Amino acid sequence: MTRPHAHARVRAEIEIDDPSVLLALVGPGSANLRAIASDAGIEIGQRGASLLLSGEGGDVALVERFLAQAAATVRGGQALTTSDCTRALRMLRADPNARVRDLFDDIVLVTPSHRPVTPKSLGQKLYVEAMRIHDLTFGIGPAGTGKTYLAMAMAVHALIERRVKRIILARPAVEAGERLGFLPGDLAEKVNPYLRPLYDALHDMMEFDKAQAMIQRGQIEVAPLAFMRGRTLNDSFVILDEAQNSTSDQMRMFLTRLGHSSKAVVTGDVTQVDLPNGQCSGLAEARVLLRGVEGIAFCEFTEVDVVRHPLVQKIIRAYESRDAERASRRDDPPASGSEPPPSSSGRT
């Protein structure tokens, strides 16, 4: 029997014998089916207990694979949201050996509201696995990819399991140049605006009173990056957030703070550097200098890993296209007969 070409248009019919499983796969008002069809670029219809697929061979085969695994996941008691379906579909597309249940079996932490924190994309799963194995992990990519949130979940879990004695959360305060005296109020009031996102993530992972008690005891510390200088961090889970806004010297200082029985996670987006012109991003430099060093993991995220509103993925792609176009213009030689650009000495 000859297999259809991947780009040939084919039809397939999948029968779901369990009505409750079929209902879960279809979703409220067929929302899941619409999302799957849109993401895969095929047509999906329903006739009784059967789902009818029509599209290019490779796309139909991908959805068949997804539906078979998703049905087994639902039978195991896992509910599937529309976003779960599209993320799982993209994971299967990226990795032929991936399984839908992998997105739900790997529970990093259960929040006080009984919501499990799990990786929601292949990139996030690899990131969580890297943090478990390596003492130093870099998570680099756009906003909304869960870099800080998953690192925070791993840190809280390690503290609860007594694998570390404290959590240290650091972030550059670049807008004030790390000179916080320009801001009104005492020290806590000065640094609070820069550290608020870290507190928000922490309070999502732990009950507020418990988190505050641990902060008072020094088991959890949230501080500007500049305050890390001169310290040795033993038995700690250390997270440096927004690391693209650290300078070269600050990144070197931070990375050399790591002590015995400690883990460090460095997160940031090298396309969102807020440092003054001419200053090198410590994160961008570390990515070049340390890649390939044994014991250090680099996890790169893309818009596929974004877990915020679906529009965020489209926004990221639009800006990346803009940046690529600007880069290509800089690389193109000037057209024949055109005037050369003015020299730097001629600028005013």
Protein backbone atom coordinates (compact mmCIF):
# COMPACT_ATOMS: atom_id res chain seq x y z
CA MET A 1 0.00 0.00 0.00
CA THR A 2 1.39 3.40 -1.00
CA ARG A 3 1.43 6.04 1.73
CA PRO A 4 -0.04 9.42 0.71
CA HIS A 5 2.43 12.25 0.22
CA ALA A 6 2.69 14.56 3.22
CA HIS A 7 1.39 17.49 1.13
CA ALA A 8 -1.42 15.55 -0.57
CA ARG A 9 -4.92 16.38 0.67
CA VAL A 10 -6.36 13.47 2.63
CA ARG A 11 -9.36 12.67 4.79
CA ALA A 12 -9.52 10.73 8.02
CA GLU A 13 -12.23 9.65 10.43
CA ILE A 14 -11.60 9.07 14.13
CA GLU A 15 -14.28 7.41 16.22
CA ILE A 16 -14.42 8.21 19.94
CA ASP A 17 -16.49 5.53 21.64
CA ASP A 18 -16.74 7.26 25.03
CA PRO A 19 -19.19 10.22 24.94
CA SER A 20 -17.53 11.97 27.89
CA VAL A 21 -14.11 11.76 26.22
CA LEU A 22 -15.57 13.06 22.96
CA LEU A 23 -17.18 15.97 24.78
CA ALA A 24 -13.89 16.85 26.49
CA LEU A 25 -11.97 16.76 23.21
CA VAL A 26 -14.55 18.86 21.36
CA GLY A 27 -14.70 21.44 24.15
CA PRO A 28 -17.45 23.95 25.02
CA GLY A 29 -19.13 25.06 21.82
CA SER A 30 -16.52 23.08 19.84
CA ALA A 31 -13.86 25.58 21.00
CA ASN A 32 -11.14 22.93 21.20
CA LEU A 33 -11.81 21.64 17.70
CA ARG A 34 -11.73 25.14 16.25
CA ALA A 35 -8.43 25.89 17.94
CA ILE A 36 -6.88 22.61 16.80
CA ALA A 37 -8.09 23.09 13.23
CA SER A 38 -6.76 26.64 13.11
CA ASP A 39 -3.36 25.74 14.54
CA ALA A 40 -2.92 22.66 12.32
CA GLY A 41 -4.35 24.29 9.19
CA ILE A 42 -6.93 21.58 8.54
CA GLU A 43 -10.70 21.20 8.64
CA ILE A 44 -12.36 19.27 11.47
CA GLY A 45 -16.00 18.29 11.58
CA GLN A 46 -18.11 16.07 13.78
CA ARG A 47 -20.59 13.40 12.79
CA GLY A 48 -22.07 11.53 15.73
CA ALA A 49 -19.24 9.92 17.66
CA SER A 50 -16.71 10.54 14.88
CA LEU A 51 -14.37 13.41 14.14
CA LEU A 52 -13.76 14.06 10.43
CA LEU A 53 -10.39 15.49 9.42
CA SER A 54 -9.47 16.96 6.05
CA GLY A 55 -6.21 18.60 5.01
CA GLU A 56 -2.64 17.96 3.93
CA GLY A 57 -1.38 14.52 4.85
CA GLY A 58 1.24 15.60 7.35
CA ASP A 59 -1.12 17.96 9.16
CA VAL A 60 -3.90 15.38 9.36
CA ALA A 61 -1.45 12.76 10.67
CA LEU A 62 -0.31 15.21 13.36
CA VAL A 63 -3.89 15.84 14.53
CA GLU A 64 -4.67 12.11 14.47
CA ARG A 65 -1.67 11.52 16.71
CA PHE A 66 -2.72 14.34 19.01
CA LEU A 67 -6.34 13.18 19.31
CA ALA A 68 -5.32 9.60 20.11
CA GLN A 69 -2.98 10.75 22.89
CA ALA A 70 -5.34 13.44 24.13
CA ALA A 71 -8.17 10.90 24.42
CA ALA A 72 -5.96 8.69 26.59
CA THR A 73 -5.02 11.70 28.72
CA VAL A 74 -8.68 12.62 29.24
CA ARG A 75 -9.52 9.02 30.20
CA GLY A 76 -6.82 9.35 32.86
CA GLY A 77 -8.79 12.19 34.45
CA GLN A 78 -7.00 15.21 32.98
CA ALA A 79 -9.15 18.08 31.72
CA LEU A 80 -8.04 19.83 28.51
CA THR A 81 -8.49 23.53 27.92
CA THR A 82 -8.30 25.16 24.51
CA SER A 83 -4.81 26.47 25.27
CA ASP A 84 -3.76 22.99 26.47
CA CYS A 85 -4.78 21.57 23.10
CA THR A 86 -2.84 24.07 21.01
CA ARG A 87 0.27 23.84 23.21
CA ALA A 88 0.24 20.04 23.09
CA LEU A 89 -0.23 20.12 19.33
CA ARG A 90 2.78 22.39 18.91
CA MET A 91 4.84 20.20 21.21
CA LEU A 92 4.05 17.13 19.10
CA ARG A 93 4.92 19.06 15.96
CA ALA A 94 8.29 20.08 17.41
CA ASP A 95 9.21 16.67 18.82
CA PRO A 96 8.05 13.41 17.18
CA ASN A 97 8.88 11.53 20.39
CA ALA A 98 6.91 13.82 22.71
CA ARG A 99 3.71 12.69 24.41
CA VAL A 100 0.70 14.77 25.36
CA ARG A 101 0.61 13.38 28.87
CA ASP A 102 4.17 14.71 29.41
CA LEU A 103 2.65 18.19 29.70
CA PHE A 104 0.50 17.14 32.65
CA ASP A 105 2.51 14.44 34.44
CA ASP A 106 5.39 16.74 35.36
CA ILE A 107 3.97 18.68 38.31
CA VAL A 108 6.56 21.09 39.68
CA LEU A 109 4.44 22.47 42.53
CA VAL A 110 0.84 22.64 43.71
CA THR A 111 -0.19 26.18 44.67
CA PRO A 112 -2.30 27.04 47.76
CA SER A 113 -5.31 27.24 45.43
CA HIS A 114 -4.64 23.58 44.48
CA ARG A 115 -3.57 24.52 40.96
CA PRO A 116 -0.66 22.41 39.68
CA VAL A 117 2.27 24.26 38.15
CA THR A 118 3.39 22.24 35.13
CA PRO A 119 5.40 22.88 31.97
CA LYS A 120 3.04 23.93 29.18
CA SER A 121 5.33 23.54 26.17
CA LEU A 122 8.26 21.43 25.07
CA GLY A 123 10.60 24.34 25.76
CA GLN A 124 9.26 24.71 29.30
CA LYS A 125 9.60 20.98 29.95
CA LEU A 126 13.24 21.01 28.84
CA TYR A 127 13.78 24.06 31.05
CA VAL A 128 12.37 22.31 34.13
CA GLU A 129 14.48 19.23 33.43
CA ALA A 130 17.57 21.41 33.03
CA MET A 131 16.96 23.09 36.40
CA ARG A 132 16.67 19.69 38.06
CA ILE A 133 19.95 18.44 36.61
CA HIS A 134 22.20 21.52 36.49
CA ASP A 135 23.44 23.83 39.21
CA LEU A 136 23.35 26.82 36.84
CA THR A 137 20.61 27.28 34.24
CA PHE A 138 19.98 30.18 31.88
CA GLY A 139 16.43 30.74 30.63
CA ILE A 140 16.52 33.18 27.69
CA GLY A 141 13.53 34.27 25.66
CA PRO A 142 10.58 36.64 25.28
CA ALA A 143 8.14 37.69 27.98
CA GLY A 144 5.35 35.29 28.84
CA THR A 145 7.31 32.08 28.35
CA GLY A 146 7.27 31.17 32.06
CA LYS A 147 11.00 31.62 32.65
CA THR A 148 10.73 33.31 36.05
CA TYR A 149 7.49 31.63 37.11
CA LEU A 150 8.81 28.09 36.65
CA ALA A 151 12.13 28.99 38.28
CA MET A 152 10.19 30.36 41.25
CA ALA A 153 8.13 27.16 41.46
CA MET A 154 11.30 25.05 41.42
CA ALA A 155 12.81 27.22 44.16
CA VAL A 156 9.76 27.03 46.43
CA HIS A 157 9.54 23.26 45.94
CA ALA A 158 13.24 22.87 46.82
CA LEU A 159 12.74 24.95 49.98
CA ILE A 160 9.65 22.99 51.04
CA GLU A 161 11.51 19.71 50.45
CA ARG A 162 14.45 21.08 52.52
CA ARG A 163 16.90 20.63 49.66
CA VAL A 164 17.95 24.26 50.19
CA LYS A 165 17.80 26.47 53.27
CA ARG A 166 16.78 29.68 51.57
CA ILE A 167 15.61 31.33 48.35
CA ILE A 168 17.29 34.48 47.08
CA LEU A 169 15.58 36.50 44.36
CA ALA A 170 17.55 39.27 42.69
CA ARG A 171 16.79 41.77 39.97
CA PRO A 172 18.67 44.76 38.52
CA ALA A 173 17.19 48.19 39.21
CA VAL A 174 18.45 49.73 36.00
CA GLU A 175 16.12 52.74 35.83
CA ALA A 176 17.83 54.22 38.91
CA GLY A 177 21.26 52.99 37.82
CA GLU A 178 21.33 50.90 41.03
CA ARG A 179 21.56 54.28 42.84
CA LEU A 180 18.30 54.07 44.72
CA GLY A 181 18.77 57.27 46.68
CA PHE A 182 16.95 59.23 43.98
CA LEU A 183 13.70 57.55 44.96
CA PRO A 184 11.58 58.72 47.92
CA GLY A 185 11.13 56.68 51.08
CA ASP A 186 13.27 54.24 53.03
CA LEU A 187 15.27 51.44 51.44
CA ALA A 188 12.36 49.00 51.25
CA GLU A 189 10.16 51.61 49.58
CA LYS A 190 12.93 52.52 47.12
CA VAL A 191 13.52 48.98 45.82
CA ASN A 192 9.94 47.73 46.00
CA PRO A 193 8.84 48.87 42.50
CA TYR A 194 11.66 46.90 40.89
CA LEU A 195 11.08 43.75 42.92
CA ARG A 196 7.26 43.70 42.90
CA PRO A 197 7.02 41.13 40.05
CA LEU A 198 9.10 38.70 42.10
CA TYR A 199 6.86 39.17 45.14
CA ASP A 200 3.79 38.62 42.95
CA ALA A 201 5.13 35.30 41.66
CA LEU A 202 6.16 34.23 45.16
CA HIS A 203 2.73 34.95 46.64
CA ASP A 204 1.16 32.92 43.84
CA MET A 205 3.24 29.92 44.95
CA MET A 206 2.80 30.21 48.71
CA GLU A 207 0.20 31.43 51.17
CA PHE A 208 0.81 35.11 51.87
CA ASP A 209 1.31 34.75 55.63
CA LYS A 210 3.69 31.82 55.18
CA ALA A 211 5.74 33.71 52.60
CA GLN A 212 5.91 36.80 54.82
CA ALA A 213 7.02 34.71 57.80
CA MET A 214 9.81 33.14 55.73
CA ILE A 215 10.89 36.58 54.54
CA GLN A 216 11.03 37.78 58.14
CA ARG A 217 13.16 34.75 59.12
CA GLY A 218 15.51 35.29 56.18
CA GLN A 219 14.54 32.04 54.45
CA ILE A 220 13.35 34.07 51.47
CA GLU A 221 15.20 37.20 50.41
CA VAL A 222 14.24 39.58 47.62
CA ALA A 223 16.87 42.20 46.82
CA PRO A 224 18.39 44.33 44.07
CA LEU A 225 21.29 42.71 42.23
CA ALA A 226 23.75 45.28 43.61
CA PHE A 227 23.15 43.88 47.13
CA MET A 228 24.66 40.50 46.13
CA ARG A 229 28.21 41.87 46.03
CA GLY A 230 30.62 40.34 48.55
CA ARG A 231 28.34 37.45 49.53
CA THR A 232 28.76 33.67 49.24
CA LEU A 233 25.45 31.91 48.77
CA ASN A 234 25.52 28.39 50.23
CA ASP A 235 22.55 26.00 50.48
CA SER A 236 20.48 28.43 48.40
CA PHE A 237 18.27 28.53 45.34
CA VAL A 238 19.17 31.83 43.67
CA ILE A 239 17.20 33.44 40.84
CA LEU A 240 18.42 36.45 38.86
CA ASP A 241 15.48 37.90 36.95
CA GLU A 242 15.60 40.44 34.08
CA ALA A 243 19.28 39.56 33.72
CA GLN A 244 19.54 41.30 30.34
CA ASN A 245 19.71 44.53 32.36
CA SER A 246 22.78 43.45 34.30
CA THR A 247 26.12 44.81 33.18
CA SER A 248 29.07 42.57 32.37
CA ASP A 249 30.63 43.22 35.79
CA GLN A 250 27.34 42.61 37.60
CA MET A 251 26.79 39.28 35.84
CA ARG A 252 30.31 38.17 36.67
CA MET A 253 29.78 39.21 40.28
CA PHE A 254 26.49 37.33 40.52
CA LEU A 255 27.72 34.10 38.95
CA THR A 256 30.70 33.95 41.29
CA ARG A 257 28.45 34.18 44.38
CA LEU A 258 27.28 30.57 43.98
CA GLY A 259 28.33 28.45 46.94
CA HIS A 260 28.10 24.82 48.03
CA SER A 261 24.81 22.90 47.64
CA SER A 262 23.24 25.79 45.72
CA LYS A 263 21.45 26.26 42.44
CA ALA A 264 21.18 29.40 40.35
CA VAL A 265 18.77 30.28 37.56
CA VAL A 266 19.33 33.33 35.36
CA THR A 267 16.40 34.58 33.28
CA GLY A 268 16.02 37.36 30.76
CA ASP A 269 15.24 38.54 27.25
CA VAL A 270 18.27 39.78 25.30
CA THR A 271 15.97 41.73 22.95
CA GLN A 272 14.69 43.92 25.81
CA VAL A 273 17.85 45.54 27.16
CA ASP A 274 17.27 48.81 29.07
CA LEU A 275 20.91 49.59 29.82
CA PRO A 276 22.30 52.97 28.71
CA ASN A 277 23.75 53.03 25.20
CA GLY A 278 27.21 51.54 24.96
CA GLN A 279 26.84 49.18 27.93
CA CYS A 280 27.09 45.48 27.18
CA SER A 281 24.33 43.24 28.53
CA GLY A 282 25.78 40.78 31.02
CA LEU A 283 23.28 38.16 29.90
CA ALA A 284 24.17 38.48 26.21
CA GLU A 285 27.86 38.24 27.05
CA ALA A 286 27.40 35.23 29.35
CA ARG A 287 25.49 33.40 26.62
CA VAL A 288 28.56 33.66 24.40
CA LEU A 289 31.24 33.06 27.03
CA LEU A 290 29.66 30.18 28.95
CA ARG A 291 27.85 28.18 26.29
CA GLY A 292 29.39 24.74 26.20
CA VAL A 293 30.74 24.89 29.76
CA GLU A 294 30.00 21.59 31.45
CA GLY A 295 27.42 21.90 34.22
CA ILE A 296 25.71 24.97 32.74
CA ALA A 297 22.46 24.70 30.77
CA PHE A 298 21.10 27.24 28.30
CA CYS A 299 17.39 27.03 27.49
CA GLU A 300 16.18 29.23 24.63
CA PHE A 301 12.48 30.09 24.39
CA THR A 302 10.52 31.33 21.37
CA GLU A 303 7.02 32.69 20.82
CA VAL A 304 5.81 29.05 20.68
CA ASP A 305 6.45 28.84 24.44
CA VAL A 306 4.39 31.93 25.30
CA VAL A 307 1.63 31.02 27.75
CA ARG A 308 -0.05 34.41 28.00
CA HIS A 309 -2.84 35.72 25.77
CA PRO A 310 -2.58 34.25 22.21
CA LEU A 311 -2.08 37.77 20.89
CA VAL A 312 1.29 37.91 22.67
CA GLN A 313 2.69 35.29 20.26
CA LYS A 314 1.59 37.37 17.28
CA ILE A 315 3.06 40.53 18.79
CA ILE A 316 6.41 38.83 19.40
CA ARG A 317 6.52 37.50 15.83
CA ALA A 318 5.75 40.97 14.45
CA TYR A 319 8.58 42.58 16.39
CA GLU A 320 11.00 39.77 15.52
CA SER A 321 10.19 40.27 11.83
CA ARG A 322 10.81 43.99 12.23
CA ASP A 323 14.15 43.36 13.95
CA ALA A 324 15.21 40.86 11.28
CA GLU A 325 14.34 43.35 8.53
CA ARG A 326 16.37 46.09 10.24
CA ALA A 327 19.32 43.72 10.63
CA SER A 328 19.21 42.76 6.96
CA ARG A 329 19.20 46.43 5.98
CA ARG A 330 22.31 47.05 8.07
CA ASP A 331 24.05 44.10 6.41
CA ASP A 332 23.13 45.09 2.82
CA PRO A 333 25.89 46.98 0.97
CA PRO A 334 24.95 50.46 -0.33
CA ALA A 335 23.49 50.54 -3.81
CA SER A 336 25.85 51.42 -6.67
CA GLY A 337 26.09 55.17 -7.20
CA SER A 338 24.60 56.01 -3.81
CA GLU A 339 26.39 58.35 -1.48
CA PRO A 340 28.40 56.74 1.33
CA PRO A 341 27.03 57.24 4.84
CA PRO A 342 28.53 60.20 6.72
CA SER A 343 31.53 59.40 8.90
CA SER A 344 31.23 59.59 12.66
CA SER A 345 33.51 62.62 12.67
CA GLY A 346 30.98 64.53 10.61
CA ARG A 347 28.10 64.05 13.04
CA THR A 348 26.86 66.88 15.17
